[in-house]
């Protein structure tokens, strides 16, 4: 019968407190004390003044011991009180060990690279080496100076000292306040993740933060697996957190996710690819919802843009739920009654518009959409495109005296169709810009007499004061008259050709 895995941080006697896993546990449980005193677990264990400060800190040590004891006796029959007494036996012993180590370290000459190498060579007992290092750090002003002192000891360090210094520097990088100094200037989680991965890959980093530059130069020179593991762990924590990668706006988040995914996917690091993919999908699920869809595709944007944007997002988004939301939206757009009209050109350069329509159809053809849905979408979109191109040929010049009026200001109408207007110059006092929607009154002459109608116009562009806009009649009766007029024009053109 398989035996349960032993918790490597579970101390069975006092010496176990000095193991790497036990130090990590101390770093988590005693985080508040360590960060307040600007200490790492190694300093706490190997410096008597620091260990005594925790022992004398009221009920702080008792609270930490109880937290550990409760977690470690879970799913066992052992009483919490028994485990608490055991752990206090270990901490009392560690305090006395720290006293002896500190006395020796204080009596020794100032620590040098050579001396540290000699102490680290005794692999059977590294406590004197750690104690000498803790004493060396005791006079430092804070996190930055301590890390700089550790980095300096790597210069020409004997091989036995490198693993020890790697562990110590990794403990500093594990402390959130210390890491914040390394990543100073990173404005958001995306920047932190990219910076952490760059350091872990031993790449050059932007100048401006001396400590970060110092660490990057060290990592480029020496492989430090403990430090690299901590950097990757921080990057994974940022990816797994609920906070946004950037501003929190859905579109910004999707762009950031694409960049972060690329940063993780560049290779060269031992990364859990399946876990990263799952975390990216989870973030996608939060960013793409029925509530955020309007912001992502531009609810008030022209139909062409919304279709283009949706197809683009389908290609970029992963995760079952967000993809399903996006896959439903093209169907909603394509089934719109006025799709062909919405896709008609709103400007005179029909050639460019037709090229854009072709690209839209091709994008859908190449999109990662289930075959059955794609076939349906393509059939309806192609039919609408054919109708749109036909409708676009119904554009014609305005007659002398035709005009567009906005807020009592009259502007000359130059060209119009069943869906579009070209007028200008913009009257003084009228402030409009794409994609603003305005109420207009249009007065034109048709083959069956003058026509004046009200419409809601969406400004598409403004060039040299000339406004191109799409419009929709307020009254259906006016819309019917206009369609009839342009159908008759098209028939006359066809007969003439």
Foldseek 3Di string as FASTA:
>chain_A
DDDDDDQQLDDPALVSCPDLSVQVLCCVLVVVVCVVVQHGSLLCQQALVNVVCCVPVPCSVVVSLLVVLVVVCPPHPDDSVVSSVRVVNSSVVSNVNNVVLLVVLVPDPQDALVNLLVLLVPVVDNSNSSNNLSVNQVPDPHLLRSLVVLLVSVVVHDPSNQLVSLSVNLRSCLRVVSVCLLQPPQPFLLSLLLLLLCQLLLHQDDDDRVSNRSSSVSCVVDPRVSNSVSSVVVSLVSLQDPDARPPPQLQVRLVSLVVSLVSVPPDPDPDDVVSSVVSSLVSLLVSADPVNLCVQQPVLDQLLSSLVSLLVVLQRHDYDVRNVSSLVVLVVSLPDPCNLVSLADLDDPVVVSLVSLVVSLVSLVPGPDPPVSSVVSSVSSVVSPVSNDLQNVLKDFFDPPKWKDAPNDTWDWGIAGLWKTKTDQDDPPDDDAPQDKGKMWTWGAFPVGIDIFIWIWGFDHADPSITMITIDTPDVVVSVVRVVRSVVVSVVVVVVD
